[in-house]
Each structure stands twice: as structure tokens, then as C-alpha cells.
Amino acid sequence: MPRRLDLEPREHELPLLPPVRIPPRGENRDDWVAACGGTEEPFTVRGRRLHYMWNRRNGDHAYYDCDRDIFLTPEEYMEIING
């Protein structure tokens, strides 16, 4: 008869990590939304889906790469646009 694997972690085997405090909404967090009052829609340039975004917390604007799940630097955006 096959031996049953003990999949339950044991207390002494768990890593000890410091507690993490997640700040409440609006405190030390970015708050990115679609630009133009939320009406800006994603668009495609050279096969890349980009979205122009606005940070309500600090007023910054940036292009978001929807496929790679990252914000682009201005240089990266210009490289995509200019080919």
C-alpha cells in the first residue's frame, strides 16, 4: 500500500517572516486610472497594446503596456512609437 504523503506544514518548518503592513488605500500607494477622466481606451501600436494612464495621487501621466503589465518610461514609449 502506498505511503500517504504528509502535505500539512508543521509549525517548526514554516519560515519566520516579519509582519507586513499593507497601507490603506491612498496612503503611500499609486492610484492609476485611465487618463482623460477615465475615458482613455487602450490602443495598439506596432503590435503592442498601450493605455494612457493618470495617477490621481500625484498627477503623473504614463503609458501602460497592457501585454507586459508594466508602465513604460518615456524613452521606451518613444522607441515603440518611432519603431
Protein backbone atom coordinates (compact mmCIF):
# COMPACT_ATOMS: atom_id res chain seq x y z
CA MET A 1 0.00 0.00 0.00
CA PRO A 2 1.49 3.42 -0.95
CA ARG A 3 2.52 5.65 1.89
CA ARG A 4 0.39 8.79 2.35
CA LEU A 5 2.40 11.98 1.97
CA ASP A 6 2.12 14.42 4.83
CA LEU A 7 1.27 17.66 3.00
CA GLU A 8 0.37 19.64 6.08
CA PRO A 9 3.13 22.08 7.05
CA ARG A 10 4.45 21.72 10.53
CA GLU A 11 4.88 24.77 12.69
CA HIS A 12 8.63 24.32 13.06
CA GLU A 13 9.03 24.08 9.26
CA LEU A 14 7.36 27.40 8.41
CA PRO A 15 9.71 30.27 7.59
CA LEU A 16 9.70 33.13 10.04
CA LEU A 17 8.91 36.34 8.20
CA PRO A 18 8.38 39.77 9.70
CA PRO A 19 4.78 41.00 9.60
CA VAL A 20 3.95 43.12 6.57
CA ARG A 21 1.77 46.18 6.92
CA ILE A 22 -0.28 46.91 3.82
CA PRO A 23 -1.13 50.60 3.81
CA PRO A 24 -4.79 51.55 3.46
CA ARG A 25 -5.99 52.86 0.09
CA GLY A 26 -4.50 56.24 -0.70
CA GLU A 27 -1.65 56.03 1.81
CA ASN A 28 1.72 55.59 0.07
CA ARG A 29 0.07 53.90 -2.90
CA ASP A 30 -0.18 54.83 -6.53
CA ASP A 31 -3.70 55.31 -7.80
CA TRP A 32 -3.58 54.83 -11.58
CA VAL A 33 -6.72 55.20 -13.71
CA ALA A 34 -7.36 55.64 -17.41
CA ALA A 35 -6.49 59.21 -18.42
CA CYS A 36 -8.98 61.78 -19.75
CA GLY A 37 -11.35 61.34 -16.84
CA GLY A 38 -11.35 57.57 -17.24
CA THR A 39 -12.37 57.65 -20.91
CA GLU A 40 -8.96 56.87 -22.44
CA GLU A 41 -9.04 53.43 -24.07
CA PRO A 42 -6.15 51.07 -24.86
CA PHE A 43 -4.72 51.37 -28.37
CA THR A 44 -2.35 49.26 -30.44
CA VAL A 45 0.97 50.48 -31.85
CA ARG A 46 3.26 48.08 -33.71
CA GLY A 47 1.50 45.10 -32.13
CA ARG A 48 1.71 46.47 -28.57
CA ARG A 49 -1.44 47.31 -26.59
CA LEU A 50 -0.82 50.54 -24.70
CA HIS A 51 -3.02 52.54 -22.36
CA TYR A 52 -2.50 56.19 -21.42
CA MET A 53 -2.91 56.41 -17.64
CA TRP A 54 -3.13 59.10 -14.96
CA ASN A 55 -2.07 58.83 -11.32
CA ARG A 56 -4.78 60.50 -9.23
CA ARG A 57 -2.46 60.63 -6.24
CA ASN A 58 0.40 62.66 -7.72
CA GLY A 59 -0.87 63.85 -11.13
CA ASP A 60 1.66 61.88 -13.20
CA HIS A 61 0.78 60.51 -16.65
CA ALA A 62 2.34 57.40 -18.16
CA TYR A 63 1.84 54.78 -20.84
CA TYR A 64 1.00 51.30 -19.60
CA ASP A 65 1.90 48.21 -21.64
CA CYS A 66 -1.18 46.01 -21.26
CA ASP A 67 0.53 42.87 -22.57
CA ARG A 68 3.66 43.09 -20.42
CA ASP A 69 1.84 44.51 -17.33
CA ILE A 70 4.34 47.34 -16.83
CA PHE A 71 4.48 51.11 -17.09
CA LEU A 72 6.81 52.39 -19.78
CA THR A 73 9.46 55.02 -19.34
CA PRO A 74 9.14 57.95 -21.77
CA GLU A 75 12.15 56.56 -23.66
CA GLU A 76 10.54 53.12 -24.01
CA TYR A 77 7.32 54.70 -25.27
CA MET A 78 9.19 56.78 -27.88
CA GLU A 79 11.10 53.70 -29.01
CA ILE A 80 7.81 51.88 -29.65
CA ILE A 81 6.23 54.85 -31.43
CA ASN A 82 9.25 55.58 -33.61
CA GLY A 83 9.95 51.94 -34.36
